[in-house]
Amino acid sequence: MSYSEERNISIDSKTKDTVSFQRYFYKYDKKGALVELKWTDSENKLTNSYEKFENDKNGLRLKDKSYNLKDELLDSTVYKYKFDDRNNWIKKEGFKNKELFDVTERIIE
């Protein structure tokens, strides 16, 4: 694992069963929220897509976007949150093409 001055991280991932590996590049904003993820294949070439993330001022993920290597949008996910009376999110819903596809609920004790 290595870190850049901008607090970006690259991780090499290898498996026991194969000789190939992937390298992941995580890019963070000044507040420490993940804003971009790229990865390479075993030949150290970027894969056919990468991810960008939009977060609110508190670091909550608002949107995920997948792009191809020509920077054309492939897919987009929007997240909506429900909060308790202490401003903790207790329900997160993910929407693709305006259709609900994922629900995460949590209990804050």
Protein backbone atom coordinates (compact mmCIF):
# COMPACT_ATOMS: atom_id res chain seq x y z
CA MET A 1 0.00 0.00 0.00
CA SER A 2 1.26 3.47 -0.75
CA TYR A 3 0.05 7.00 0.02
CA SER A 4 0.49 10.21 -1.93
CA GLU A 5 0.76 13.70 -0.46
CA GLU A 6 -2.90 14.27 -1.44
CA ARG A 7 -3.87 11.36 0.87
CA ASN A 8 -4.62 9.15 -2.12
CA ILE A 9 -4.03 5.44 -1.69
CA SER A 10 -2.96 2.72 -4.10
CA ILE A 11 -3.26 -0.93 -3.12
CA ASP A 12 -1.85 -3.98 -4.89
CA SER A 13 -4.08 -7.02 -4.63
CA LYS A 14 -2.73 -10.51 -5.35
CA THR A 15 -4.30 -13.92 -4.91
CA LYS A 16 -2.61 -17.17 -3.95
CA ASP A 17 -4.13 -19.06 -6.86
CA THR A 18 -3.10 -16.72 -9.67
CA VAL A 19 -0.08 -14.80 -10.79
CA SER A 20 -2.17 -11.81 -11.80
CA PHE A 21 -3.03 -8.87 -9.58
CA GLN A 22 -5.10 -5.72 -9.60
CA ARG A 23 -4.04 -2.31 -8.42
CA TYR A 24 -6.64 0.00 -6.86
CA PHE A 25 -6.31 3.78 -6.73
CA TYR A 26 -8.46 5.58 -4.15
CA LYS A 27 -8.78 9.37 -4.33
CA TYR A 28 -10.10 11.35 -1.34
CA ASP A 29 -11.21 14.94 -0.87
CA LYS A 30 -9.77 17.23 1.82
CA LYS A 31 -12.35 16.00 4.35
CA GLY A 32 -11.36 12.36 3.81
CA ALA A 33 -14.38 11.28 1.75
CA LEU A 34 -13.78 8.91 -1.18
CA VAL A 35 -14.35 10.74 -4.48
CA GLU A 36 -12.84 8.42 -7.10
CA LEU A 37 -11.84 4.79 -7.55
CA LYS A 38 -9.83 3.43 -10.47
CA TRP A 39 -8.24 0.03 -10.90
CA THR A 40 -5.88 -1.73 -13.27
CA ASP A 41 -5.86 -5.25 -14.59
CA SER A 42 -3.02 -7.75 -14.26
CA GLU A 43 -1.13 -6.02 -17.09
CA ASN A 44 -1.28 -2.68 -15.20
CA LYS A 45 -3.78 -1.21 -17.71
CA LEU A 46 -6.84 0.66 -16.51
CA THR A 47 -9.93 -1.52 -16.63
CA ASN A 48 -12.82 -0.53 -18.88
CA SER A 49 -14.51 1.67 -16.26
CA TYR A 50 -13.94 3.75 -13.15
CA GLU A 51 -16.10 5.24 -10.39
CA LYS A 52 -16.69 8.78 -9.14
CA PHE A 53 -18.54 9.60 -5.94
CA GLU A 54 -20.43 12.70 -4.81
CA ASN A 55 -20.74 13.33 -1.09
CA ASP A 56 -22.50 15.91 1.04
CA LYS A 57 -20.69 18.30 3.40
CA ASN A 58 -20.72 15.60 6.11
CA GLY A 59 -19.23 12.92 3.87
CA LEU A 60 -22.45 10.98 3.20
CA ARG A 61 -22.50 9.41 -0.24
CA LEU A 62 -25.10 11.08 -2.46
CA LYS A 63 -24.28 9.66 -5.86
CA ASP A 64 -22.09 7.03 -7.54
CA LYS A 65 -21.25 7.36 -11.21
CA SER A 66 -19.52 4.80 -13.44
CA TYR A 67 -17.66 5.98 -16.52
CA ASN A 68 -15.91 4.21 -19.38
CA LEU A 69 -12.39 5.21 -20.37
CA LYS A 70 -13.82 7.78 -22.83
CA ASP A 71 -15.41 9.53 -19.80
CA GLU A 72 -18.90 8.56 -20.97
CA LEU A 73 -21.40 7.93 -18.18
CA LEU A 74 -22.32 4.24 -17.93
CA ASP A 75 -24.36 4.10 -14.76
CA SER A 76 -25.51 6.31 -11.92
CA THR A 77 -26.80 5.56 -8.42
CA VAL A 78 -28.51 8.13 -6.19
CA TYR A 79 -28.77 7.67 -2.42
CA LYS A 80 -31.47 9.06 -0.14
CA TYR A 81 -31.29 8.99 3.65
CA LYS A 82 -33.71 9.02 6.57
CA PHE A 83 -32.39 10.44 9.86
CA ASP A 84 -33.34 9.98 13.51
CA ASP A 85 -33.87 12.86 15.95
CA ARG A 86 -30.09 12.99 16.63
CA ASN A 87 -29.25 13.37 12.93
CA ASN A 88 -27.92 9.80 12.56
CA TRP A 89 -28.90 8.19 9.31
CA ILE A 90 -31.04 5.15 10.01
CA LYS A 91 -32.11 4.24 6.49
CA LYS A 92 -30.29 4.56 3.17
CA GLU A 93 -31.99 3.84 -0.14
CA GLY A 94 -30.15 3.40 -3.43
CA PHE A 95 -31.85 4.19 -6.75
CA LYS A 96 -30.75 3.30 -10.28
CA ASN A 97 -32.79 4.82 -13.09
CA LYS A 98 -35.17 6.12 -10.40
CA GLU A 99 -35.91 2.55 -9.26
CA LEU A 100 -35.16 1.40 -5.73
CA PHE A 101 -32.58 -1.39 -5.78
CA ASP A 102 -30.96 -1.34 -2.34
CA VAL A 103 -32.08 -0.53 1.22
CA THR A 104 -29.76 -0.39 4.21
CA GLU A 105 -31.19 0.16 7.69
CA ARG A 106 -29.24 0.52 10.88
CA ILE A 107 -30.03 0.83 14.56
CA ILE A 108 -28.15 3.40 16.61
CA GLU A 109 -28.06 2.48 20.30
